[in-house]
Amino acid sequence: MKIIVKEISKGLDDNNWFKEITNSLQGLDCKKYVEGLINFSQKKQKRKVAKLQNFILKILEEQFVDFQWQTEFKVSEKRDAIDIYGKRENDILIIELDKWRADQVAKKLISRTALLKENNIGFVSLCYAGTPSMNKSECLKYFQYGNIVLTELNNYYAGMIIE
């Protein structure tokens, strides 16, 4: 069970910071964090996803030392918190870990982008199976929409799935 890029901003140079980060995530083995996840209670799922979050954070901290990294970054006074947040000067990387639900992908993309619109944003929707009835194809469709929106705003987007 590895991270697979399903949608990404077009025309990125190989040395583009966002492309370098998404390339570092592509192919990461996440099996021990997500295998059998759909069979667990919500509480146990949350604990396993927190371990996945820390695993990804550690990789990013080791490979991209010019960014300041943190988890659960509060983007506003409301409950909005970014799962993994990286900042370097005016570049911001946002990674949201979610079950493959199109409504979650869309909601987080819009809210985080609106709250941080003054920055150069790289946004990653990283999704995993949550229940047997969740529609992965609908999620993939919203990855395409996310890419369109962020491209129009001169930002970067990647939709990734763990499968």
Protein backbone atom coordinates (compact mmCIF):
# COMPACT_ATOMS: atom_id res chain seq x y z
CA MET A 1 0.00 0.00 0.00
CA LYS A 2 1.89 2.96 -1.35
CA ILE A 3 1.26 6.62 -2.04
CA ILE A 4 0.35 7.14 -5.68
CA VAL A 5 0.02 10.51 -7.39
CA LYS A 6 -3.29 10.57 -9.26
CA GLU A 7 -3.42 14.28 -10.15
CA ILE A 8 -0.73 16.97 -10.14
CA SER A 9 -0.17 20.47 -11.49
CA LYS A 10 1.05 20.34 -15.08
CA GLY A 11 4.33 21.65 -16.43
CA LEU A 12 6.37 21.64 -13.23
CA ASP A 13 10.16 21.66 -13.69
CA ASP A 14 12.02 18.82 -11.99
CA ASN A 15 13.64 21.30 -9.59
CA ASN A 16 10.32 22.92 -8.63
CA TRP A 17 9.94 22.72 -4.82
CA PHE A 18 6.43 21.28 -5.01
CA LYS A 19 7.42 18.63 -7.53
CA GLU A 20 10.41 17.64 -5.37
CA ILE A 21 8.15 17.22 -2.34
CA THR A 22 5.47 15.22 -4.17
CA ASN A 23 8.18 13.04 -5.74
CA SER A 24 9.51 12.28 -2.25
CA LEU A 25 6.05 11.10 -1.17
CA GLN A 26 5.33 9.06 -4.31
CA GLY A 27 5.81 5.38 -3.59
CA LEU A 28 6.17 5.65 0.19
CA ASP A 29 5.09 2.39 1.78
CA CYS A 30 2.24 3.14 4.18
CA LYS A 31 0.94 -0.41 4.61
CA LYS A 32 1.48 -0.59 8.37
CA TYR A 33 -0.56 2.59 8.84
CA VAL A 34 -3.55 1.89 6.59
CA GLU A 35 -3.85 -1.88 6.13
CA GLY A 36 -7.25 -2.99 7.40
CA LEU A 37 -8.14 0.58 8.38
CA ILE A 38 -11.72 0.26 7.11
CA ASN A 39 -12.35 -2.49 9.68
CA PHE A 40 -11.36 -0.36 12.69
CA SER A 41 -13.48 1.89 14.89
CA GLN A 42 -13.23 5.63 14.25
CA LYS A 43 -11.11 6.00 17.40
CA LYS A 44 -8.60 3.37 16.29
CA GLN A 45 -8.58 4.77 12.74
CA LYS A 46 -7.70 8.19 14.15
CA ARG A 47 -4.74 6.76 16.10
CA LYS A 48 -3.39 4.92 13.06
CA VAL A 49 -3.75 7.99 10.83
CA ALA A 50 -1.90 10.06 13.46
CA LYS A 51 0.99 7.59 13.13
CA LEU A 52 0.84 7.97 9.34
CA GLN A 53 0.90 11.75 9.76
CA ASN A 54 4.03 11.55 11.94
CA PHE A 55 5.70 9.13 9.51
CA ILE A 56 5.19 11.56 6.61
CA LEU A 57 6.28 14.53 8.73
CA LYS A 58 9.54 12.77 9.62
CA ILE A 59 10.30 12.10 5.93
CA LEU A 60 9.67 15.74 5.06
CA GLU A 61 11.76 17.04 7.96
CA GLU A 62 14.69 14.87 6.89
CA GLN A 63 14.52 15.69 3.18
CA PHE A 64 13.41 19.33 3.17
CA VAL A 65 15.31 21.05 5.95
CA ASP A 66 14.75 24.51 4.48
CA PHE A 67 11.06 24.27 5.46
CA GLN A 68 9.72 24.65 8.98
CA TRP A 69 7.35 21.71 9.58
CA GLN A 70 4.55 21.05 12.00
CA THR A 71 1.38 19.06 12.38
CA GLU A 72 -2.06 20.36 13.34
CA PHE A 73 -1.15 23.92 12.37
CA LYS A 74 -3.96 26.28 13.40
CA VAL A 75 -4.72 28.37 10.36
CA SER A 76 -7.42 30.46 12.08
CA GLU A 77 -9.11 30.97 15.42
CA LYS A 78 -11.73 28.48 14.35
CA ARG A 79 -11.17 24.72 14.49
CA ASP A 80 -9.32 24.69 11.17
CA ALA A 81 -6.03 22.84 11.55
CA ILE A 82 -3.78 21.69 8.73
CA ASP A 83 -2.63 18.09 9.12
CA ILE A 84 0.93 18.75 7.89
CA TYR A 85 2.15 22.30 7.31
CA GLY A 86 5.46 23.44 5.91
CA LYS A 87 6.66 27.00 5.42
CA ARG A 88 9.68 28.46 3.71
CA GLU A 89 9.65 32.22 3.12
CA ASN A 90 6.46 32.73 1.07
CA ASP A 91 6.07 29.06 0.08
CA ILE A 92 3.56 27.01 2.04
CA LEU A 93 2.93 23.29 1.75
CA ILE A 94 -0.38 21.95 3.00
CA ILE A 95 -1.00 18.22 3.29
CA GLU A 96 -4.46 17.08 4.30
CA LEU A 97 -4.92 13.41 5.18
CA ASP A 98 -8.48 12.24 4.65
CA LYS A 99 -10.64 9.31 3.79
CA TRP A 100 -11.41 9.37 0.08
CA ARG A 101 -14.48 11.55 0.40
CA ALA A 102 -14.98 14.19 -2.26
CA ASP A 103 -16.73 16.54 0.18
CA GLN A 104 -13.70 16.52 2.52
CA VAL A 105 -11.28 17.11 -0.34
CA ALA A 106 -13.33 20.08 -1.60
CA LYS A 107 -14.02 21.58 1.83
CA LYS A 108 -10.42 21.56 2.95
CA LEU A 109 -9.07 22.79 -0.38
CA ILE A 110 -11.39 25.82 -0.38
CA SER A 111 -11.03 26.75 3.29
CA ARG A 112 -7.24 26.39 3.51
CA THR A 113 -6.64 28.19 0.23
CA ALA A 114 -8.94 31.07 1.21
CA LEU A 115 -7.29 31.50 4.60
CA LEU A 116 -3.74 31.47 3.17
CA LYS A 117 -4.36 33.20 -0.17
CA GLU A 118 -1.48 35.68 0.28
CA ASN A 119 1.07 32.85 -0.02
CA ASN A 120 2.46 30.60 -2.72
CA ILE A 121 0.54 27.42 -1.87
CA GLY A 122 1.32 23.82 -2.64
CA PHE A 123 -1.67 21.71 -1.61
CA VAL A 124 -1.70 17.92 -1.31
CA SER A 125 -4.88 15.94 -0.77
CA LEU A 126 -3.66 12.56 0.51
CA CYS A 127 -6.52 10.10 0.75
CA TYR A 128 -7.00 6.55 1.99
CA ALA A 129 -9.90 4.08 2.25
CA GLY A 130 -12.25 4.87 5.12
CA THR A 131 -15.23 2.56 4.68
CA PRO A 132 -16.20 0.05 1.99
CA SER A 133 -18.99 2.33 0.78
CA MET A 134 -16.87 5.43 0.11
CA ASN A 135 -16.59 6.35 -3.57
CA LYS A 136 -12.94 6.60 -4.65
CA SER A 137 -13.84 7.64 -8.22
CA GLU A 138 -15.76 10.67 -6.93
CA CYS A 139 -12.72 11.64 -4.88
CA LEU A 140 -10.49 11.36 -7.96
CA LYS A 141 -12.87 13.64 -9.86
CA TYR A 142 -12.47 16.28 -7.13
CA PHE A 143 -8.71 15.97 -7.38
CA GLN A 144 -9.11 17.20 -10.96
CA TYR A 145 -11.28 20.11 -9.80
CA GLY A 146 -8.74 21.00 -7.12
CA ASN A 147 -6.01 21.08 -9.72
CA ILE A 148 -8.05 23.41 -11.94
CA VAL A 149 -8.82 25.81 -9.07
CA LEU A 150 -5.28 26.04 -7.75
CA THR A 151 -3.80 26.35 -11.24
CA GLU A 152 -6.10 29.33 -11.86
CA LEU A 153 -4.78 30.86 -8.64
CA ASN A 154 -1.15 30.27 -9.73
CA ASN A 155 -0.62 27.67 -7.01
CA TYR A 156 0.15 23.94 -7.02
CA TYR A 157 -2.01 20.90 -6.39
CA ALA A 158 -1.52 17.16 -6.05
CA GLY A 159 -4.16 14.54 -5.37
CA MET A 160 -2.67 11.37 -3.95
CA ILE A 161 -4.15 8.03 -2.90
CA ILE A 162 -2.78 5.30 -0.70
CA GLU A 163 -3.62 1.96 -2.33
